[in-house]
Amino acid sequence: MFFDESGLSLLPHVRHTYAPRGRTRTLRHRLSWKRASMAAAPGYHAADAERGPRRCFHLKPGTYDTATLIEVLEQVRTF
């Protein structure tokens, strides 16, 4: 089993903006700066081939702390 945690920004990605020559390009949006975190664990049960490959993931607004990651790992144990 592999376990990984990553953070995400919920703001849109902008590759290009437009402004007339001589004016600064600006981007306006109505979203506030929000973040989400995701922990995932893909795994394979070698002793029981019928269970096959599985994946488990957990989404959380904000960031993970140690206690929350421990809770996620305890949930993955039954995975």
N, C-alpha and C. Protein backbone atom coordinates (compact mmCIF):
# COMPACT_ATOMS: atom_id res chain seq x y z
N MET A 1 0.84 -1.16 0.00
CA MET A 1 0.00 0.00 0.00
C MET A 1 0.89 1.24 0.00
N PHE A 2 0.45 2.25 -0.70
CA PHE A 2 1.14 3.54 -0.76
C PHE A 2 0.19 4.59 -0.19
N PHE A 3 0.73 5.56 0.50
CA PHE A 3 -0.09 6.61 1.10
C PHE A 3 0.52 7.96 0.76
N ASP A 4 -0.31 8.89 0.29
CA ASP A 4 0.19 10.22 -0.08
C ASP A 4 -0.85 11.26 0.27
N GLU A 5 -0.38 12.46 0.63
CA GLU A 5 -1.26 13.58 0.96
C GLU A 5 -0.84 14.77 0.12
N SER A 6 -1.82 15.51 -0.38
CA SER A 6 -1.52 16.65 -1.24
C SER A 6 -2.52 17.77 -0.98
N GLY A 7 -2.12 19.00 -1.28
CA GLY A 7 -2.99 20.15 -1.12
C GLY A 7 -3.44 20.69 -2.47
N LEU A 8 -4.62 21.27 -2.51
CA LEU A 8 -5.19 21.81 -3.75
C LEU A 8 -5.67 23.23 -3.52
N SER A 9 -5.56 24.05 -4.53
CA SER A 9 -6.14 25.38 -4.51
C SER A 9 -7.39 25.35 -5.38
N LEU A 10 -8.45 25.95 -4.91
CA LEU A 10 -9.71 25.92 -5.64
C LEU A 10 -9.91 27.13 -6.54
N LEU A 11 -8.86 27.92 -6.74
CA LEU A 11 -8.94 29.05 -7.66
C LEU A 11 -8.73 28.57 -9.09
N PRO A 12 -9.35 29.22 -10.05
CA PRO A 12 -9.17 28.79 -11.45
C PRO A 12 -7.77 29.10 -11.96
N HIS A 13 -7.26 28.25 -12.82
CA HIS A 13 -5.97 28.49 -13.47
C HIS A 13 -6.20 29.35 -14.70
N VAL A 14 -5.38 30.35 -14.86
CA VAL A 14 -5.50 31.24 -16.01
C VAL A 14 -4.20 31.18 -16.78
N ARG A 15 -4.29 30.85 -18.04
CA ARG A 15 -3.09 30.75 -18.86
C ARG A 15 -2.83 32.02 -19.64
N HIS A 16 -3.88 32.72 -20.06
CA HIS A 16 -3.72 33.92 -20.87
C HIS A 16 -4.67 35.00 -20.37
N THR A 17 -4.22 36.22 -20.44
CA THR A 17 -5.10 37.36 -20.19
C THR A 17 -4.92 38.33 -21.34
N TYR A 18 -5.83 39.27 -21.45
CA TYR A 18 -5.76 40.23 -22.54
C TYR A 18 -5.90 41.64 -21.97
N ALA A 19 -5.14 42.55 -22.52
CA ALA A 19 -5.27 43.98 -22.21
C ALA A 19 -4.77 44.76 -23.41
N PRO A 20 -5.36 45.91 -23.67
CA PRO A 20 -4.85 46.74 -24.76
C PRO A 20 -3.40 47.15 -24.51
N ARG A 21 -2.68 47.41 -25.56
CA ARG A 21 -1.28 47.79 -25.45
C ARG A 21 -1.14 49.01 -24.52
N GLY A 22 -0.19 48.93 -23.61
CA GLY A 22 0.07 50.02 -22.68
C GLY A 22 -0.69 49.92 -21.37
N ARG A 23 -1.59 48.95 -21.23
CA ARG A 23 -2.33 48.77 -19.98
C ARG A 23 -1.92 47.47 -19.32
N THR A 24 -1.94 47.47 -18.00
CA THR A 24 -1.57 46.28 -17.25
C THR A 24 -2.71 45.26 -17.31
N ARG A 25 -2.35 44.02 -17.51
CA ARG A 25 -3.35 42.95 -17.53
C ARG A 25 -3.81 42.68 -16.10
N THR A 26 -5.09 42.56 -15.92
CA THR A 26 -5.63 42.24 -14.60
C THR A 26 -6.65 41.12 -14.74
N LEU A 27 -6.78 40.36 -13.69
CA LEU A 27 -7.75 39.27 -13.65
C LEU A 27 -8.61 39.46 -12.41
N ARG A 28 -9.90 39.52 -12.59
CA ARG A 28 -10.82 39.67 -11.47
C ARG A 28 -11.65 38.39 -11.36
N HIS A 29 -11.81 37.95 -10.14
CA HIS A 29 -12.69 36.81 -9.89
C HIS A 29 -13.39 37.02 -8.57
N ARG A 30 -14.49 36.34 -8.38
CA ARG A 30 -15.30 36.53 -7.17
C ARG A 30 -15.05 35.42 -6.15
N LEU A 31 -14.08 34.62 -6.37
CA LEU A 31 -13.80 33.52 -5.46
C LEU A 31 -12.88 33.98 -4.35
N SER A 32 -13.03 33.42 -3.17
CA SER A 32 -12.07 33.67 -2.11
C SER A 32 -11.02 32.57 -2.17
N TRP A 33 -9.90 32.79 -1.54
CA TRP A 33 -8.80 31.84 -1.58
C TRP A 33 -9.15 30.65 -0.69
N LYS A 34 -9.57 29.57 -1.29
CA LYS A 34 -9.93 28.37 -0.54
C LYS A 34 -8.96 27.25 -0.88
N ARG A 35 -8.75 26.39 0.10
CA ARG A 35 -7.84 25.27 -0.10
C ARG A 35 -8.52 23.98 0.35
N ALA A 36 -8.09 22.92 -0.25
CA ALA A 36 -8.57 21.59 0.14
C ALA A 36 -7.37 20.66 0.18
N SER A 37 -7.49 19.61 0.95
CA SER A 37 -6.43 18.61 1.03
C SER A 37 -7.02 17.25 0.71
N MET A 38 -6.20 16.39 0.14
CA MET A 38 -6.64 15.04 -0.22
C MET A 38 -5.55 14.06 0.18
N ALA A 39 -5.96 12.97 0.81
CA ALA A 39 -5.06 11.88 1.13
C ALA A 39 -5.57 10.65 0.38
N ALA A 40 -4.66 9.90 -0.23
CA ALA A 40 -5.07 8.74 -1.01
C ALA A 40 -4.16 7.56 -0.72
N ALA A 41 -4.73 6.37 -0.86
CA ALA A 41 -3.97 5.15 -0.63
C ALA A 41 -4.41 4.09 -1.64
N PRO A 42 -3.63 3.88 -2.71
CA PRO A 42 -3.91 2.75 -3.60
C PRO A 42 -3.27 1.49 -3.01
N GLY A 43 -3.91 0.37 -3.18
CA GLY A 43 -3.35 -0.86 -2.63
C GLY A 43 -3.85 -2.09 -3.36
N TYR A 44 -3.20 -3.21 -3.07
CA TYR A 44 -3.56 -4.49 -3.66
C TYR A 44 -3.43 -5.55 -2.59
N HIS A 45 -4.46 -6.36 -2.42
CA HIS A 45 -4.44 -7.42 -1.40
C HIS A 45 -3.89 -8.69 -2.05
N ALA A 46 -2.62 -8.97 -1.82
CA ALA A 46 -1.95 -10.10 -2.48
C ALA A 46 -2.47 -11.45 -1.99
N ALA A 47 -2.91 -11.55 -0.73
CA ALA A 47 -3.36 -12.83 -0.20
C ALA A 47 -4.75 -13.21 -0.70
N ASP A 48 -5.55 -12.24 -1.11
CA ASP A 48 -6.90 -12.49 -1.58
C ASP A 48 -7.07 -11.84 -2.95
N ALA A 49 -6.84 -12.61 -4.01
CA ALA A 49 -6.86 -12.06 -5.37
C ALA A 49 -8.25 -11.57 -5.78
N GLU A 50 -9.32 -12.10 -5.16
CA GLU A 50 -10.67 -11.66 -5.50
C GLU A 50 -10.92 -10.21 -5.10
N ARG A 51 -10.23 -9.74 -4.08
CA ARG A 51 -10.40 -8.34 -3.66
C ARG A 51 -9.77 -7.40 -4.67
N GLY A 52 -8.70 -7.83 -5.31
CA GLY A 52 -8.07 -7.05 -6.37
C GLY A 52 -7.55 -5.69 -5.93
N PRO A 53 -7.21 -4.87 -6.91
CA PRO A 53 -6.69 -3.54 -6.59
C PRO A 53 -7.81 -2.63 -6.07
N ARG A 54 -7.45 -1.78 -5.13
CA ARG A 54 -8.42 -0.86 -4.55
C ARG A 54 -7.78 0.49 -4.32
N ARG A 55 -8.60 1.51 -4.20
CA ARG A 55 -8.08 2.82 -3.83
C ARG A 55 -9.03 3.46 -2.81
N CYS A 56 -8.45 4.19 -1.93
CA CYS A 56 -9.19 4.86 -0.88
C CYS A 56 -8.71 6.31 -0.85
N PHE A 57 -9.63 7.27 -0.74
CA PHE A 57 -9.19 8.65 -0.64
C PHE A 57 -10.07 9.41 0.34
N HIS A 58 -9.52 10.47 0.87
CA HIS A 58 -10.19 11.28 1.88
C HIS A 58 -9.99 12.74 1.51
N LEU A 59 -11.07 13.52 1.45
CA LEU A 59 -11.00 14.95 1.14
C LEU A 59 -11.33 15.75 2.38
N LYS A 60 -10.63 16.87 2.55
CA LYS A 60 -10.83 17.71 3.73
C LYS A 60 -10.64 19.16 3.34
N PRO A 61 -11.56 20.06 3.73
CA PRO A 61 -11.30 21.49 3.51
C PRO A 61 -10.16 21.94 4.41
N GLY A 62 -9.34 22.83 3.93
CA GLY A 62 -8.20 23.31 4.71
C GLY A 62 -7.02 22.37 4.60
N THR A 63 -6.27 22.25 5.69
CA THR A 63 -5.07 21.42 5.68
C THR A 63 -5.18 20.30 6.71
N TYR A 64 -4.38 19.27 6.52
CA TYR A 64 -4.33 18.16 7.46
C TYR A 64 -3.40 18.50 8.62
N ASP A 65 -3.73 17.98 9.78
CA ASP A 65 -2.80 18.00 10.89
C ASP A 65 -2.50 16.54 11.25
N THR A 66 -1.62 16.33 12.18
CA THR A 66 -1.18 14.97 12.52
C THR A 66 -2.35 14.10 12.97
N ALA A 67 -3.22 14.63 13.82
CA ALA A 67 -4.34 13.84 14.34
C ALA A 67 -5.28 13.40 13.22
N THR A 68 -5.55 14.28 12.27
CA THR A 68 -6.45 13.93 11.17
C THR A 68 -5.83 12.87 10.27
N LEU A 69 -4.53 12.98 10.00
CA LEU A 69 -3.86 11.97 9.18
C LEU A 69 -3.86 10.61 9.87
N ILE A 70 -3.72 10.60 11.18
CA ILE A 70 -3.78 9.32 11.92
C ILE A 70 -5.17 8.71 11.79
N GLU A 71 -6.22 9.53 11.88
CA GLU A 71 -7.59 9.03 11.69
C GLU A 71 -7.78 8.43 10.30
N VAL A 72 -7.24 9.10 9.29
CA VAL A 72 -7.35 8.59 7.92
C VAL A 72 -6.63 7.25 7.79
N LEU A 73 -5.44 7.14 8.37
CA LEU A 73 -4.70 5.88 8.31
C LEU A 73 -5.45 4.76 9.03
N GLU A 74 -6.15 5.07 10.12
CA GLU A 74 -6.95 4.05 10.80
C GLU A 74 -8.11 3.59 9.92
N GLN A 75 -8.71 4.51 9.15
CA GLN A 75 -9.77 4.12 8.23
C GLN A 75 -9.22 3.25 7.10
N VAL A 76 -8.00 3.55 6.66
CA VAL A 76 -7.39 2.80 5.57
C VAL A 76 -7.06 1.37 6.02
N ARG A 77 -6.87 1.17 7.30
CA ARG A 77 -6.54 -0.17 7.80
C ARG A 77 -7.62 -1.19 7.44
N THR A 78 -8.88 -0.77 7.40
CA THR A 78 -9.97 -1.68 7.04
C THR A 78 -10.11 -1.81 5.53
N PHE A 79 -9.37 -1.03 4.80
CA PHE A 79 -9.38 -0.98 3.35
C PHE A 79 -8.85 -2.27 2.81
